[in-house]
C-alpha atoms as a PDB file:
ATOM      1  CA  MET A   1       0.021   0.035  -0.051  1.00  0.00           C
ATOM      2  CA  ALA A   2       1.248   3.472  -0.846  1.00  0.00           C
ATOM      3  CA  ARG A   3       2.481   5.744   1.972  1.00  0.00           C
ATOM      4  CA  LYS A   4      -0.079   8.587   2.681  1.00  0.00           C
ATOM      5  CA  PHE A   5       0.679  12.019   3.491  1.00  0.00           C
ATOM      6  CA  TYR A   6      -0.921  15.533   3.891  1.00  0.00           C
ATOM      7  CA  LEU A   7      -0.804  18.465   1.526  1.00  0.00           C
ATOM      8  CA  THR A   8      -1.232  21.969   2.840  1.00  0.00           C
ATOM      9  CA  ALA A   9      -1.697  25.248   0.906  1.00  0.00           C
ATOM     10  CA  THR A  10      -1.659  28.646   2.439  1.00  0.00           C
ATOM     11  CA  MET A  11      -3.502  31.300   0.289  1.00  0.00           C
ATOM     12  CA  PRO A  12      -2.381  34.940   0.192  1.00  0.00           C
ATOM     13  CA  ASP A  13      -5.423  35.805   2.361  1.00  0.00           C
ATOM     14  CA  GLY A  14      -4.178  33.592   5.143  1.00  0.00           C
ATOM     15  CA  TYR A  15      -6.790  30.798   4.359  1.00  0.00           C
ATOM     16  CA  VAL A  16      -5.265  27.199   4.856  1.00  0.00           C
ATOM     17  CA  LYS A  17      -6.569  24.224   2.960  1.00  0.00           C
ATOM     18  CA  THR A  18      -5.274  20.640   3.916  1.00  0.00           C
ATOM     19  CA  ILE A  19      -5.798  17.621   1.695  1.00  0.00           C
ATOM     20  CA  GLY A  20      -5.226  14.197   2.760  1.00  0.00           C
ATOM     21  CA  PRO A  21      -4.334  11.743   3.916  1.00  0.00           C
ATOM     22  CA  THR A  22      -3.614  10.898   0.167  1.00  0.00           C
ATOM     23  CA  GLY A  23      -1.045   8.997  -1.877  1.00  0.00           C
ATOM     24  CA  THR A  24      -1.312  11.339  -4.851  1.00  0.00           C
ATOM     25  CA  ALA A  25       1.371  13.584  -5.509  1.00  0.00           C
ATOM     26  CA  PHE A  26      -0.331  16.828  -6.149  1.00  0.00           C
ATOM     27  CA  SER A  27       1.887  19.876  -6.276  1.00  0.00           C
ATOM     28  CA  HIS A  28      -0.539  22.755  -6.406  1.00  0.00           C
ATOM     29  CA  TYR A  29      -4.102  24.112  -5.035  1.00  0.00           C
ATOM     30  CA  TRP A  30      -6.250  26.371  -6.970  1.00  0.00           C
ATOM     31  CA  ARG A  31      -9.122  28.361  -5.900  1.00  0.00           C
ATOM     32  CA  ILE A  32     -11.810  30.649  -7.674  1.00  0.00           C
ATOM     33  CA  VAL A  33     -13.801  33.129  -5.323  1.00  0.00           C
ATOM     34  CA  ALA A  34     -16.608  34.340  -7.781  1.00  0.00           C
ATOM     35  CA  VAL A  35     -19.052  37.068  -7.006  1.00  0.00           C
ATOM     36  CA  LEU A  36     -22.627  36.473  -8.292  1.00  0.00           C
ATOM     37  CA  GLN A  37     -24.915  38.786  -9.668  1.00  0.00           C
ATOM     38  CA  ASN A  38     -26.833  39.068  -6.296  1.00  0.00           C
ATOM     39  CA  GLY A  39     -23.552  39.894  -4.348  1.00  0.00           C
ATOM     40  CA  LYS A  40     -23.109  36.323  -2.866  1.00  0.00           C
ATOM     41  CA  THR A  41     -19.933  34.532  -3.297  1.00  0.00           C
ATOM     42  CA  GLU A  42     -19.187  31.059  -4.401  1.00  0.00           C
ATOM     43  CA  VAL A  43     -15.922  29.222  -3.942  1.00  0.00           C
ATOM     44  CA  PHE A  44     -14.686  26.544  -6.474  1.00  0.00           C
ATOM     45  CA  TRP A  45     -11.251  24.699  -5.659  1.00  0.00           C
ATOM     46  CA  GLY A  46      -9.064  21.901  -6.620  1.00  0.00           C
ATOM     47  CA  HIS A  47      -5.523  20.436  -6.829  1.00  0.00           C
ATOM     48  CA  ALA A  48      -3.187  19.640  -9.729  1.00  0.00           C
ATOM     49  CA  LYS A  49      -0.154  17.617 -10.135  1.00  0.00           C
ATOM     50  CA  THR A  50       1.600  20.484 -12.107  1.00  0.00           C
ATOM     51  CA  LEU A  51       1.695  24.245 -12.010  1.00  0.00           C
ATOM     52  CA  ALA A  52       0.879  24.152 -15.664  1.00  0.00           C
ATOM     53  CA  GLU A  53      -2.246  22.212 -14.870  1.00  0.00           C
ATOM     54  CA  ALA A  54      -3.300  24.551 -12.233  1.00  0.00           C
ATOM     55  CA  ARG A  55      -2.724  27.496 -14.399  1.00  0.00           C
ATOM     56  CA  GLY A  56      -5.061  25.879 -17.093  1.00  0.00           C
ATOM     57  CA  LYS A  57      -7.867  26.116 -14.863  1.00  0.00           C
ATOM     58  CA  GLN A  58      -7.661  30.084 -14.960  1.00  0.00           C
ATOM     59  CA  ALA A  59      -8.911  29.775 -18.821  1.00  0.00           C
ATOM     60  CA  ALA A  60     -11.813  27.664 -17.507  1.00  0.00           C
ATOM     61  CA  ALA A  61     -12.667  30.233 -14.878  1.00  0.00           C
ATOM     62  CA  ALA A  62     -12.878  32.812 -17.646  1.00  0.00           C
ATOM     63  CA  ASP A  63     -15.184  30.763 -19.417  1.00  0.00           C
ATOM     64  CA  ALA A  64     -17.386  29.748 -16.371  1.00  0.00           C
ATOM     65  CA  ALA A  65     -17.711  33.628 -15.426  1.00  0.00           C
ATOM     66  CA  ARG A  66     -19.141  34.352 -19.106  1.00  0.00           C
ATOM     67  CA  GLN A  67     -21.457  31.349 -18.757  1.00  0.00           C
ATOM     68  CA  ARG A  68     -22.570  31.966 -15.253  1.00  0.00           C
ATOM     69  CA  GLY A  69     -22.875  35.646 -15.116  1.00  0.00           C
ATOM     70  CA  TRP A  70     -20.416  36.268 -12.543  1.00  0.00           C
ATOM     71  CA  THR A  71     -19.701  39.955 -11.738  1.00  0.00           C
ATOM     72  CA  ARG A  72     -16.092  39.336 -11.059  1.00  0.00           C
ATOM     73  CA  TYR A  73     -13.780  36.475  -9.687  1.00  0.00           C
ATOM     74  CA  ASP A  74     -10.396  36.079  -8.070  1.00  0.00           C
ATOM     75  CA  PHE A  75      -8.351  33.044  -9.284  1.00  0.00           C
ATOM     76  CA  GLU A  76      -5.395  31.967  -7.194  1.00  0.00           C
ATOM     77  CA  ILE A  77      -2.640  29.333  -6.982  1.00  0.00           C
ATOM     78  CA  ALA A  78      -0.585  28.119  -4.022  1.00  0.00           C
ATOM     79  CA  GLU A  79       1.959  25.534  -3.808  1.00  0.00           C
ATOM     80  CA  LEU A  80       1.269  22.564  -1.789  1.00  0.00           C
ATOM     81  CA  GLU A  81       3.561  21.611   1.112  1.00  0.00           C
ATOM     82  CA  ARG A  82       3.836  17.990   1.948  1.00  0.00           C
ATOM     83  CA  THR A  83       3.978  16.628   5.557  1.00  0.00           C
ATOM     84  CA  SER A  84       3.433  13.203   7.160  1.00  0.00           C
ATOM     85  CA  GLU A  85       1.278  14.510   9.990  1.00  0.00           C
ATOM     86  CA  PRO A  86      -1.910  16.834   9.399  1.00  0.00           C
ATOM     87  CA  PRO A  87      -1.524  20.404  10.631  1.00  0.00           C
ATOM     88  CA  CYS A  88      -2.681  21.459  14.006  1.00  0.00           C
ATOM     89  CA  THR A  89      -6.019  23.050  14.103  1.00  0.00           C
END
């Protein structure tokens, strides 16, 4: 059985996302914070095995904004840090 580990991303605004335990070697976490026409926000996120793969989600975000009528959105990518233990909460 593959060894499991935790992956943690810290976003520019201080938000911390932990993924795991997992055996998949993801390298980056991406997040879209979309502002809807009614002023509410929705958050979409995922992880990618390469920086190029994560950057590819940015084009998809632009398409989603047009299709869903978002008034604006922020797209961010953070590198994942690999640890053997989950971070303290």
